[in-house]
Amino acid sequence: MKDVKITIQETTNNTIIKFNTNQILINGGSYEYNNIDEAKNAPLAQQLFYLPFVKKIFITANFIAIQRFDILEWADVQEEVKEQIEAFLNNGGIVVNEKTNSSKKEAIEIYAEVTPNPSVMKFGSNKSLTQTDVEYKNIDEANKSSPLAQAIFNFPFVKEVFISDNYISVTKYDMVEWNDVFAEVRTFIREYLVAGKIIIKELPNKEGNISANKTEEPQVKLEGIPGQIVDILDEYIKPAVAGDGGNIAFRSYDADNKIVSVVLQGACSGCPSSTATLKNGIESLLKEMLPNQINEVVAING
């Protein structure tokens, strides 16, 4: 792991702080440790537990969350912890030894669900796949970032791949019907995950790969109307669209014209009903909850 950079993000719990990384730490899923004994398979967590104020550690693919005891404030030590994590990672330290239990195959189930978009099938999993939603429009975008997405693109009928927390939405070309191929894709994804292969090895490059949209919570918490919009989307909209294999991400708010721009992904992207969803669902809700602040909601790449 080279040139790892850490950014600090506060959370709603003032005892917990997140250290976001610009590189993938683990191959999907997450790990939680309450003490140094539980962290035997996690060298980084073991090292952090030697800090007397560390109470609990939570490790995901692209961030480390640490809960502190009340003996001090994060403002006093967060930069020191950031530097320690960066040094550990840049020196090639192992975050989690994920091969510890490799002899015992994980019980993974994959189920297929139709979505409102007839071109998209949702493949749900009982395994956490990523903490950061990623979307790939073609195999070239997936090559450097996600071996799983790259492998799915080897099916000739696959047009786009969207990977979220516990599901994968696959968009097909019109050359086939899902009834003829979904079972094959479902089996392939399950066998890939059971084998413990890498899901995402690095996040899409925002500068060099614009269309591979990386959507995650802003590292700087938004305030005012944009912050309220994000909260409403997270609480009321995202769970509903995720159930249909899609995702909606806040992109911007034009205060002068009161226009909200969002990104539609997965099953939502290109869905025939997406316009109705925008106007009758998202736009109406935002207008109701933020009176006189919203004139229109537009999808910039929907």
C-alpha atoms as a PDB file:
ATOM      1  CA  MET A   1       0.000   0.000   0.000  1.00  0.00           C
ATOM      2  CA  LYS A   2       1.550   3.265  -1.108  1.00  0.00           C
ATOM      3  CA  ASP A   3       0.895   6.929  -0.491  1.00  0.00           C
ATOM      4  CA  VAL A   4      -2.000   6.354   1.877  1.00  0.00           C
ATOM      5  CA  LYS A   5      -3.695   9.555   2.964  1.00  0.00           C
ATOM      6  CA  ILE A   6      -6.040   9.847   5.924  1.00  0.00           C
ATOM      7  CA  THR A   7      -8.772  12.433   6.357  1.00  0.00           C
ATOM      8  CA  ILE A   8     -10.536  12.952   9.660  1.00  0.00           C
ATOM      9  CA  GLN A   9     -14.335  13.000   9.827  1.00  0.00           C
ATOM     10  CA  GLU A  10     -16.440  13.734  12.879  1.00  0.00           C
ATOM     11  CA  THR A  11     -19.585  11.698  13.590  1.00  0.00           C
ATOM     12  CA  THR A  12     -22.820  12.401  15.425  1.00  0.00           C
ATOM     13  CA  ASN A  13     -21.311  10.661  18.465  1.00  0.00           C
ATOM     14  CA  ASN A  14     -18.585  12.936  19.865  1.00  0.00           C
ATOM     15  CA  THR A  15     -16.716   9.946  21.309  1.00  0.00           C
ATOM     16  CA  ILE A  16     -16.337   8.364  17.850  1.00  0.00           C
ATOM     17  CA  ILE A  17     -14.243   9.693  14.986  1.00  0.00           C
ATOM     18  CA  LYS A  18     -13.664   8.290  11.511  1.00  0.00           C
ATOM     19  CA  PHE A  19     -10.308   8.101   9.762  1.00  0.00           C
ATOM     20  CA  ASN A  20     -11.113   7.850   6.029  1.00  0.00           C
ATOM     21  CA  THR A  21      -8.506   6.414   3.674  1.00  0.00           C
ATOM     22  CA  ASN A  22      -7.918   6.944  -0.029  1.00  0.00           C
ATOM     23  CA  GLN A  23      -7.222   3.242  -0.517  1.00  0.00           C
ATOM     24  CA  ILE A  24      -9.035  -0.013   0.176  1.00  0.00           C
ATOM     25  CA  LEU A  25      -8.131  -1.563   3.536  1.00  0.00           C
ATOM     26  CA  ILE A  26      -9.976  -4.894   3.514  1.00  0.00           C
ATOM     27  CA  ASN A  27     -11.793  -7.077   1.023  1.00  0.00           C
ATOM     28  CA  GLY A  28     -15.397  -6.190   1.822  1.00  0.00           C
ATOM     29  CA  GLY A  29     -17.321  -6.585   5.042  1.00  0.00           C
ATOM     30  CA  SER A  30     -16.310  -4.990   8.324  1.00  0.00           C
ATOM     31  CA  TYR A  31     -14.667  -5.856  11.633  1.00  0.00           C
ATOM     32  CA  GLU A  32     -15.418  -4.611  15.140  1.00  0.00           C
ATOM     33  CA  TYR A  33     -13.085  -4.992  18.109  1.00  0.00           C
ATOM     34  CA  ASN A  34     -13.843  -4.202  21.751  1.00  0.00           C
ATOM     35  CA  ASN A  35     -10.361  -4.954  23.138  1.00  0.00           C
ATOM     36  CA  ILE A  36      -6.883  -6.061  22.149  1.00  0.00           C
ATOM     37  CA  ASP A  37      -7.662  -9.764  22.683  1.00  0.00           C
ATOM     38  CA  GLU A  38     -10.434  -9.657  20.090  1.00  0.00           C
ATOM     39  CA  ALA A  39      -8.024  -8.011  17.627  1.00  0.00           C
ATOM     40  CA  LYS A  40      -5.632 -10.961  17.290  1.00  0.00           C
ATOM     41  CA  ASN A  41      -6.209 -11.059  13.515  1.00  0.00           C
ATOM     42  CA  ALA A  42      -5.889  -7.277  13.143  1.00  0.00           C
ATOM     43  CA  PRO A  43      -2.357  -5.903  13.621  1.00  0.00           C
ATOM     44  CA  LEU A  44      -3.462  -2.299  13.091  1.00  0.00           C
ATOM     45  CA  ALA A  45      -6.216  -2.554  15.698  1.00  0.00           C
ATOM     46  CA  GLN A  46      -3.802  -4.206  18.132  1.00  0.00           C
ATOM     47  CA  GLN A  47      -1.398  -1.298  17.754  1.00  0.00           C
ATOM     48  CA  LEU A  48      -4.166   1.257  18.264  1.00  0.00           C
ATOM     49  CA  PHE A  49      -5.403  -0.469  21.425  1.00  0.00           C
ATOM     50  CA  TYR A  50      -2.075   0.366  23.057  1.00  0.00           C
ATOM     51  CA  LEU A  51      -3.300   3.962  23.102  1.00  0.00           C
ATOM     52  CA  PRO A  52      -4.884   4.271  26.565  1.00  0.00           C
ATOM     53  CA  PHE A  53      -7.913   6.229  25.366  1.00  0.00           C
ATOM     54  CA  VAL A  54      -9.049   3.736  22.687  1.00  0.00           C
ATOM     55  CA  LYS A  55     -12.260   1.961  23.686  1.00  0.00           C
ATOM     56  CA  LYS A  56     -13.517   0.327  20.490  1.00  0.00           C
ATOM     57  CA  ILE A  57     -12.341   0.006  16.854  1.00  0.00           C
ATOM     58  CA  PHE A  58     -14.445  -0.544  13.730  1.00  0.00           C
ATOM     59  CA  ILE A  59     -12.682  -1.310  10.425  1.00  0.00           C
ATOM     60  CA  THR A  60     -14.312  -1.215   6.982  1.00  0.00           C
ATOM     61  CA  ALA A  61     -13.038  -1.144   3.418  1.00  0.00           C
ATOM     62  CA  ASN A  62     -12.220   2.554   3.411  1.00  0.00           C
ATOM     63  CA  PHE A  63     -12.320   3.906   6.950  1.00  0.00           C
ATOM     64  CA  ILE A  64     -11.396   3.156  10.543  1.00  0.00           C
ATOM     65  CA  ALA A  65     -13.764   4.383  13.244  1.00  0.00           C
ATOM     66  CA  ILE A  66     -12.423   4.660  16.783  1.00  0.00           C
ATOM     67  CA  GLN A  67     -14.410   5.231  19.954  1.00  0.00           C
ATOM     68  CA  ARG A  68     -12.555   6.859  22.855  1.00  0.00           C
ATOM     69  CA  PHE A  69     -12.916   6.737  26.607  1.00  0.00           C
ATOM     70  CA  ASP A  70     -13.882  10.007  28.297  1.00  0.00           C
ATOM     71  CA  ILE A  71     -10.400  10.658  29.670  1.00  0.00           C
ATOM     72  CA  LEU A  72      -9.691  13.207  26.911  1.00  0.00           C
ATOM     73  CA  GLU A  73     -11.124  14.934  23.836  1.00  0.00           C
ATOM     74  CA  TRP A  74     -10.482  13.917  20.235  1.00  0.00           C
ATOM     75  CA  ALA A  75      -9.190  17.389  19.427  1.00  0.00           C
ATOM     76  CA  ASP A  76      -6.184  16.665  21.656  1.00  0.00           C
ATOM     77  CA  VAL A  77      -5.088  13.452  19.927  1.00  0.00           C
ATOM     78  CA  GLN A  78      -6.743  12.998  16.535  1.00  0.00           C
ATOM     79  CA  GLU A  79      -3.808  14.317  14.493  1.00  0.00           C
ATOM     80  CA  GLU A  80      -1.424  12.017  16.335  1.00  0.00           C
ATOM     81  CA  VAL A  81      -3.683   9.023  15.656  1.00  0.00           C
ATOM     82  CA  LYS A  82      -4.022  10.025  12.000  1.00  0.00           C
ATOM     83  CA  GLU A  83      -0.232  10.130  11.612  1.00  0.00           C
ATOM     84  CA  GLN A  84       0.132   6.777  13.344  1.00  0.00           C
ATOM     85  CA  ILE A  85      -2.370   5.100  11.011  1.00  0.00           C
ATOM     86  CA  GLU A  86      -0.790   6.665   7.913  1.00  0.00           C
ATOM     87  CA  ALA A  87       2.677   5.522   8.973  1.00  0.00           C
ATOM     88  CA  PHE A  88       1.430   1.981   9.644  1.00  0.00           C
ATOM     89  CA  LEU A  89      -0.254   1.685   6.251  1.00  0.00           C
ATOM     90  CA  ASN A  90       2.543   3.328   4.257  1.00  0.00           C
ATOM     91  CA  ASN A  91       5.038   0.931   5.846  1.00  0.00           C
ATOM     92  CA  GLY A  92       3.064  -2.011   4.484  1.00  0.00           C
ATOM     93  CA  GLY A  93       1.370  -2.989   7.729  1.00  0.00           C
ATOM     94  CA  ILE A  94      -1.435  -5.561   7.599  1.00  0.00           C
ATOM     95  CA  VAL A  95      -4.806  -4.142   8.595  1.00  0.00           C
ATOM     96  CA  VAL A  96      -6.664  -7.438   9.046  1.00  0.00           C
ATOM     97  CA  ASN A  97      -5.312 -10.901   8.382  1.00  0.00           C
ATOM     98  CA  GLU A  98      -8.335 -12.033   6.399  1.00  0.00           C
ATOM     99  CA  LYS A  99      -6.808 -15.424   5.609  1.00  0.00           C
ATOM    100  CA  THR A 100      -6.918 -16.523   9.238  1.00  0.00           C
ATOM    101  CA  ASN A 101     -10.131 -18.446   8.743  1.00  0.00           C
ATOM    102  CA  SER A 102      -9.638 -19.273   5.058  1.00  0.00           C
ATOM    103  CA  SER A 103     -10.050 -23.004   5.712  1.00  0.00           C
ATOM    104  CA  LYS A 104     -13.655 -22.397   6.742  1.00  0.00           C
ATOM    105  CA  LYS A 105     -15.742 -21.237   3.825  1.00  0.00           C
ATOM    106  CA  GLU A 106     -18.196 -18.478   4.567  1.00  0.00           C
ATOM    107  CA  ALA A 107     -21.875 -19.346   4.195  1.00  0.00           C
ATOM    108  CA  ILE A 108     -22.883 -16.919   1.469  1.00  0.00           C
ATOM    109  CA  GLU A 109     -26.301 -16.683  -0.122  1.00  0.00           C
ATOM    110  CA  ILE A 110     -27.140 -14.725  -3.266  1.00  0.00           C
ATOM    111  CA  TYR A 111     -30.712 -14.002  -4.292  1.00  0.00           C
ATOM    112  CA  ALA A 112     -31.952 -12.368  -7.482  1.00  0.00           C
ATOM    113  CA  GLU A 113     -34.685  -9.729  -7.505  1.00  0.00           C
ATOM    114  CA  VAL A 114     -36.382  -7.959 -10.377  1.00  0.00           C
ATOM    115  CA  THR A 115     -36.353  -4.156 -10.251  1.00  0.00           C
ATOM    116  CA  PRO A 116     -38.598  -1.433 -11.699  1.00  0.00           C
ATOM    117  CA  ASN A 117     -35.997  -1.117 -14.454  1.00  0.00           C
ATOM    118  CA  PRO A 118     -36.479  -4.132 -16.789  1.00  0.00           C
ATOM    119  CA  SER A 119     -32.833  -3.931 -17.864  1.00  0.00           C
ATOM    120  CA  VAL A 120     -31.516  -4.283 -14.308  1.00  0.00           C
ATOM    121  CA  MET A 121     -31.455  -7.293 -11.986  1.00  0.00           C
ATOM    122  CA  LYS A 122     -30.549  -6.935  -8.305  1.00  0.00           C
ATOM    123  CA  PHE A 123     -28.368  -9.645  -6.760  1.00  0.00           C
ATOM    124  CA  GLY A 124     -28.635  -9.390  -2.975  1.00  0.00           C
ATOM    125  CA  SER A 125     -26.144 -10.940  -0.562  1.00  0.00           C
ATOM    126  CA  ASN A 126     -25.966 -11.806   3.138  1.00  0.00           C
ATOM    127  CA  LYS A 127     -22.345 -10.643   3.012  1.00  0.00           C
ATOM    128  CA  SER A 128     -21.396  -6.988   3.279  1.00  0.00           C
ATOM    129  CA  LEU A 129     -19.680  -6.102   0.020  1.00  0.00           C
ATOM    130  CA  THR A 130     -18.556  -2.482   0.367  1.00  0.00           C
ATOM    131  CA  GLN A 131     -18.917   0.599   2.537  1.00  0.00           C
ATOM    132  CA  THR A 132     -18.646   2.829  -0.525  1.00  0.00           C
ATOM    133  CA  ASP A 133     -21.056   2.587  -3.461  1.00  0.00           C
ATOM    134  CA  VAL A 134     -19.296   2.219  -6.807  1.00  0.00           C
ATOM    135  CA  GLU A 135     -20.676   2.195 -10.333  1.00  0.00           C
ATOM    136  CA  TYR A 136     -18.944   1.050 -13.514  1.00  0.00           C
ATOM    137  CA  LYS A 137     -20.201   1.880 -16.998  1.00  0.00           C
ATOM    138  CA  ASN A 138     -17.832  -0.532 -18.768  1.00  0.00           C
ATOM    139  CA  ILE A 139     -15.076  -3.068 -18.187  1.00  0.00           C
ATOM    140  CA  ASP A 140     -12.307  -0.501 -18.611  1.00  0.00           C
ATOM    141  CA  GLU A 141     -13.581   1.429 -15.601  1.00  0.00           C
ATOM    142  CA  ALA A 142     -13.658  -1.784 -13.555  1.00  0.00           C
ATOM    143  CA  ASN A 143     -10.205  -3.067 -14.552  1.00  0.00           C
ATOM    144  CA  LYS A 144      -8.121  -1.184 -12.002  1.00  0.00           C
ATOM    145  CA  SER A 145     -10.753  -0.844  -9.332  1.00  0.00           C
ATOM    146  CA  SER A 146     -12.939  -3.924  -8.905  1.00  0.00           C
ATOM    147  CA  PRO A 147     -11.955  -7.472  -9.894  1.00  0.00           C
ATOM    148  CA  LEU A 148     -15.519  -8.591  -9.138  1.00  0.00           C
ATOM    149  CA  ALA A 149     -17.077  -6.036 -11.476  1.00  0.00           C
ATOM    150  CA  GLN A 150     -14.462  -6.846 -14.105  1.00  0.00           C
ATOM    151  CA  ALA A 151     -15.367 -10.530 -13.876  1.00  0.00           C
ATOM    152  CA  ILE A 152     -19.093  -9.780 -14.217  1.00  0.00           C
ATOM    153  CA  PHE A 153     -18.371  -7.740 -17.353  1.00  0.00           C
ATOM    154  CA  ASN A 154     -17.024 -10.930 -18.928  1.00  0.00           C
ATOM    155  CA  PHE A 155     -20.628 -11.912 -19.520  1.00  0.00           C
ATOM    156  CA  PRO A 156     -21.209 -10.475 -23.021  1.00  0.00           C
ATOM    157  CA  PHE A 157     -24.672  -9.169 -22.172  1.00  0.00           C
ATOM    158  CA  VAL A 158     -23.544  -7.030 -19.194  1.00  0.00           C
ATOM    159  CA  LYS A 159     -23.701  -3.281 -19.809  1.00  0.00           C
ATOM    160  CA  GLU A 160     -23.146  -1.736 -16.326  1.00  0.00           C
ATOM    161  CA  VAL A 161     -22.380  -2.885 -12.774  1.00  0.00           C
ATOM    162  CA  PHE A 162     -23.274  -1.129  -9.519  1.00  0.00           C
ATOM    163  CA  ILE A 163     -21.973  -2.463  -6.176  1.00  0.00           C
ATOM    164  CA  SER A 164     -23.517  -1.301  -2.918  1.00  0.00           C
ATOM    165  CA  ASP A 165     -23.519  -2.375   0.728  1.00  0.00           C
ATOM    166  CA  ASN A 166     -25.068  -5.821   0.317  1.00  0.00           C
ATOM    167  CA  TYR A 167     -26.170  -6.074  -3.288  1.00  0.00           C
ATOM    168  CA  ILE A 168     -24.997  -5.803  -6.890  1.00  0.00           C
ATOM    169  CA  SER A 169     -27.193  -4.313  -9.605  1.00  0.00           C
ATOM    170  CA  VAL A 170     -26.355  -5.526 -13.098  1.00  0.00           C
ATOM    171  CA  THR A 171     -27.634  -3.736 -16.205  1.00  0.00           C
ATOM    172  CA  LYS A 172     -27.921  -5.854 -19.357  1.00  0.00           C
ATOM    173  CA  TYR A 173     -28.065  -5.127 -23.051  1.00  0.00           C
ATOM    174  CA  ASP A 174     -31.299  -5.993 -24.865  1.00  0.00           C
ATOM    175  CA  MET A 175     -29.676  -9.009 -26.545  1.00  0.00           C
ATOM    176  CA  VAL A 176     -30.954 -11.358 -23.809  1.00  0.00           C
ATOM    177  CA  GLU A 177     -33.795 -11.649 -21.303  1.00  0.00           C
ATOM    178  CA  TRP A 178     -33.036 -11.873 -17.591  1.00  0.00           C
ATOM    179  CA  ASN A 179     -35.110 -15.041 -17.304  1.00  0.00           C
ATOM    180  CA  ASP A 180     -32.554 -16.796 -19.481  1.00  0.00           C
ATOM    181  CA  VAL A 181     -29.383 -15.658 -17.713  1.00  0.00           C
ATOM    182  CA  PHE A 182     -30.036 -14.513 -14.120  1.00  0.00           C
ATOM    183  CA  ALA A 183     -29.400 -17.964 -12.611  1.00  0.00           C
ATOM    184  CA  GLU A 184     -25.969 -18.159 -14.245  1.00  0.00           C
ATOM    185  CA  VAL A 185     -25.013 -14.703 -12.961  1.00  0.00           C
ATOM    186  CA  ARG A 186     -26.305 -15.472  -9.469  1.00  0.00           C
ATOM    187  CA  THR A 187     -24.270 -18.685  -9.285  1.00  0.00           C
ATOM    188  CA  PHE A 188     -21.168 -16.927 -10.581  1.00  0.00           C
ATOM    189  CA  ILE A 189     -21.376 -14.138  -7.981  1.00  0.00           C
ATOM    190  CA  ARG A 190     -21.928 -16.603  -5.148  1.00  0.00           C
ATOM    191  CA  GLU A 191     -18.961 -18.799  -6.153  1.00  0.00           C
ATOM    192  CA  TYR A 192     -16.771 -15.697  -6.520  1.00  0.00           C
ATOM    193  CA  LEU A 193     -17.607 -14.518  -2.990  1.00  0.00           C
ATOM    194  CA  VAL A 194     -17.322 -17.986  -1.443  1.00  0.00           C
ATOM    195  CA  ALA A 195     -13.821 -18.266  -2.917  1.00  0.00           C
ATOM    196  CA  GLY A 196     -12.864 -15.122  -0.974  1.00  0.00           C
ATOM    197  CA  LYS A 197     -11.726 -13.235  -4.049  1.00  0.00           C
ATOM    198  CA  ILE A 198     -11.194  -9.471  -4.004  1.00  0.00           C
ATOM    199  CA  ILE A 199     -14.335  -7.387  -4.436  1.00  0.00           C
ATOM    200  CA  ILE A 200     -12.849  -3.883  -4.694  1.00  0.00           C
ATOM    201  CA  LYS A 201      -9.119  -3.284  -4.564  1.00  0.00           C
ATOM    202  CA  GLU A 202      -9.155   0.502  -4.901  1.00  0.00           C
ATOM    203  CA  LEU A 203     -11.734   3.235  -5.198  1.00  0.00           C
ATOM    204  CA  PRO A 204     -12.427   4.754  -8.617  1.00  0.00           C
ATOM    205  CA  ASN A 205     -10.231   7.743  -9.367  1.00  0.00           C
ATOM    206  CA  LYS A 206     -12.398  10.846  -9.276  1.00  0.00           C
ATOM    207  CA  GLU A 207     -10.078  12.829 -11.532  1.00  0.00           C
ATOM    208  CA  GLY A 208      -9.277  10.163 -14.091  1.00  0.00           C
ATOM    209  CA  ASN A 209     -12.529   8.215 -14.038  1.00  0.00           C
ATOM    210  CA  ILE A 210     -15.444  10.576 -13.818  1.00  0.00           C
ATOM    211  CA  SER A 211     -18.143   8.138 -14.900  1.00  0.00           C
ATOM    212  CA  ALA A 212     -17.216   5.562 -12.272  1.00  0.00           C
ATOM    213  CA  ASN A 213     -19.112   7.432  -9.619  1.00  0.00           C
ATOM    214  CA  LYS A 214     -17.884   7.072  -6.063  1.00  0.00           C
ATOM    215  CA  THR A 215     -20.688   8.016  -3.707  1.00  0.00           C
ATOM    216  CA  GLU A 216     -20.117   8.233  -0.004  1.00  0.00           C
ATOM    217  CA  GLU A 217     -20.906  10.572   2.797  1.00  0.00           C
ATOM    218  CA  PRO A 218     -19.103  13.883   2.360  1.00  0.00           C
ATOM    219  CA  GLN A 219     -15.924  14.015   4.424  1.00  0.00           C
ATOM    220  CA  VAL A 220     -16.870  17.566   5.399  1.00  0.00           C
ATOM    221  CA  LYS A 221     -20.336  17.550   6.896  1.00  0.00           C
ATOM    222  CA  LEU A 222     -22.681  19.719   4.860  1.00  0.00           C
ATOM    223  CA  GLU A 223     -24.581  22.422   6.686  1.00  0.00           C
ATOM    224  CA  GLY A 224     -27.684  24.495   5.993  1.00  0.00           C
ATOM    225  CA  ILE A 225     -30.048  23.453   3.205  1.00  0.00           C
ATOM    226  CA  PRO A 226     -27.565  21.019   1.531  1.00  0.00           C
ATOM    227  CA  GLY A 227     -27.086  19.237   4.867  1.00  0.00           C
ATOM    228  CA  GLN A 228     -30.844  18.980   5.376  1.00  0.00           C
ATOM    229  CA  ILE A 229     -31.272  17.611   1.852  1.00  0.00           C
ATOM    230  CA  VAL A 230     -28.657  14.905   2.481  1.00  0.00           C
ATOM    231  CA  ASP A 231     -30.343  13.945   5.768  1.00  0.00           C
ATOM    232  CA  ILE A 232     -33.746  13.644   4.068  1.00  0.00           C
ATOM    233  CA  LEU A 233     -32.333  11.568   1.206  1.00  0.00           C
ATOM    234  CA  ASP A 234     -30.544   9.254   3.655  1.00  0.00           C
ATOM    235  CA  GLU A 235     -33.541   8.732   5.918  1.00  0.00           C
ATOM    236  CA  TYR A 236     -36.486   8.649   3.529  1.00  0.00           C
ATOM    237  CA  ILE A 237     -35.298   8.019  -0.020  1.00  0.00           C
ATOM    238  CA  LYS A 238     -32.181   5.832  -0.036  1.00  0.00           C
ATOM    239  CA  PRO A 239     -33.696   2.854   1.824  1.00  0.00           C
ATOM    240  CA  ALA A 240     -36.581   2.727  -0.663  1.00  0.00           C
ATOM    241  CA  VAL A 241     -34.455   2.924  -3.812  1.00  0.00           C
ATOM    242  CA  ALA A 242     -31.904   0.465  -2.368  1.00  0.00           C
ATOM    243  CA  GLY A 243     -34.727  -2.032  -2.026  1.00  0.00           C
ATOM    244  CA  ASP A 244     -35.191  -1.756  -5.779  1.00  0.00           C
ATOM    245  CA  GLY A 245     -31.477  -2.153  -6.499  1.00  0.00           C
ATOM    246  CA  GLY A 246     -30.754   1.529  -6.981  1.00  0.00           C
ATOM    247  CA  ASN A 247     -29.092   4.442  -5.270  1.00  0.00           C
ATOM    248  CA  ILE A 248     -29.476   8.203  -5.155  1.00  0.00           C
ATOM    249  CA  ALA A 249     -26.604  10.500  -4.232  1.00  0.00           C
ATOM    250  CA  PHE A 250     -26.700  14.223  -3.530  1.00  0.00           C
ATOM    251  CA  ARG A 251     -24.500  16.177  -5.932  1.00  0.00           C
ATOM    252  CA  SER A 252     -25.232  19.896  -5.448  1.00  0.00           C
ATOM    253  CA  TYR A 253     -27.720  22.591  -4.444  1.00  0.00           C
ATOM    254  CA  ASP A 254     -28.150  25.782  -6.444  1.00  0.00           C
ATOM    255  CA  ALA A 255     -29.330  28.239  -3.801  1.00  0.00           C
ATOM    256  CA  ASP A 256     -30.126  30.998  -6.301  1.00  0.00           C
ATOM    257  CA  ASN A 257     -32.481  28.861  -8.392  1.00  0.00           C
ATOM    258  CA  LYS A 258     -33.329  26.394  -5.598  1.00  0.00           C
ATOM    259  CA  ILE A 259     -32.432  23.407  -7.757  1.00  0.00           C
ATOM    260  CA  VAL A 260     -31.181  20.122  -6.302  1.00  0.00           C
ATOM    261  CA  SER A 261     -28.946  17.946  -8.481  1.00  0.00           C
ATOM    262  CA  VAL A 262     -28.716  14.229  -7.720  1.00  0.00           C
ATOM    263  CA  VAL A 263     -27.025  11.191  -9.252  1.00  0.00           C
ATOM    264  CA  LEU A 264     -29.148   8.113  -9.955  1.00  0.00           C
ATOM    265  CA  GLN A 265     -27.287   4.808  -9.954  1.00  0.00           C
ATOM    266  CA  GLY A 266     -27.873   1.098 -10.286  1.00  0.00           C
ATOM    267  CA  ALA A 267     -31.450   0.214 -11.184  1.00  0.00           C
ATOM    268  CA  CYS A 268     -32.443   3.896 -10.961  1.00  0.00           C
ATOM    269  CA  SER A 269     -30.099   4.959 -13.738  1.00  0.00           C
ATOM    270  CA  GLY A 270     -31.919   4.911 -17.046  1.00  0.00           C
ATOM    271  CA  CYS A 271     -35.058   3.461 -15.461  1.00  0.00           C
ATOM    272  CA  PRO A 272     -38.237   4.355 -17.415  1.00  0.00           C
ATOM    273  CA  SER A 273     -39.906   5.339 -14.136  1.00  0.00           C
ATOM    274  CA  SER A 274     -36.995   7.436 -12.841  1.00  0.00           C
ATOM    275  CA  THR A 275     -38.527  10.715 -14.036  1.00  0.00           C
ATOM    276  CA  ALA A 276     -41.742   9.953 -12.194  1.00  0.00           C
ATOM    277  CA  THR A 277     -39.748   8.950  -9.127  1.00  0.00           C
ATOM    278  CA  LEU A 278     -37.886  12.258  -9.223  1.00  0.00           C
ATOM    279  CA  LYS A 279     -40.957  14.427  -9.691  1.00  0.00           C
ATOM    280  CA  ASN A 280     -43.603  12.586  -7.699  1.00  0.00           C
ATOM    281  CA  GLY A 281     -41.391  11.175  -4.985  1.00  0.00           C
ATOM    282  CA  ILE A 282     -38.139  12.954  -4.254  1.00  0.00           C
ATOM    283  CA  GLU A 283     -39.083  16.424  -5.450  1.00  0.00           C
ATOM    284  CA  SER A 284     -42.451  16.373  -3.691  1.00  0.00           C
ATOM    285  CA  LEU A 285     -40.934  15.179  -0.430  1.00  0.00           C
ATOM    286  CA  LEU A 286     -38.182  17.791  -0.446  1.00  0.00           C
ATOM    287  CA  LYS A 287     -40.661  20.556  -1.240  1.00  0.00           C
ATOM    288  CA  GLU A 288     -42.875  19.406   1.627  1.00  0.00           C
ATOM    289  CA  MET A 289     -40.064  19.080   4.169  1.00  0.00           C
ATOM    290  CA  LEU A 290     -38.155  22.185   3.037  1.00  0.00           C
ATOM    291  CA  PRO A 291     -40.905  24.664   2.129  1.00  0.00           C
ATOM    292  CA  ASN A 292     -39.913  27.540  -0.174  1.00  0.00           C
ATOM    293  CA  GLN A 293     -36.379  26.109  -0.540  1.00  0.00           C
ATOM    294  CA  ILE A 294     -36.831  23.668  -3.451  1.00  0.00           C
ATOM    295  CA  ASN A 295     -38.062  24.472  -6.955  1.00  0.00           C
ATOM    296  CA  GLU A 296     -36.835  21.404  -8.821  1.00  0.00           C
ATOM    297  CA  VAL A 297     -34.853  18.179  -8.511  1.00  0.00           C
ATOM    298  CA  VAL A 298     -32.813  17.114 -11.532  1.00  0.00           C
ATOM    299  CA  ALA A 299     -30.746  14.010 -12.267  1.00  0.00           C
ATOM    300  CA  ILE A 300     -27.437  15.007 -13.820  1.00  0.00           C
ATOM    301  CA  ASN A 301     -26.711  11.557 -15.221  1.00  0.00           C
ATOM    302  CA  GLY A 302     -29.927   9.665 -14.750  1.00  0.00           C
END
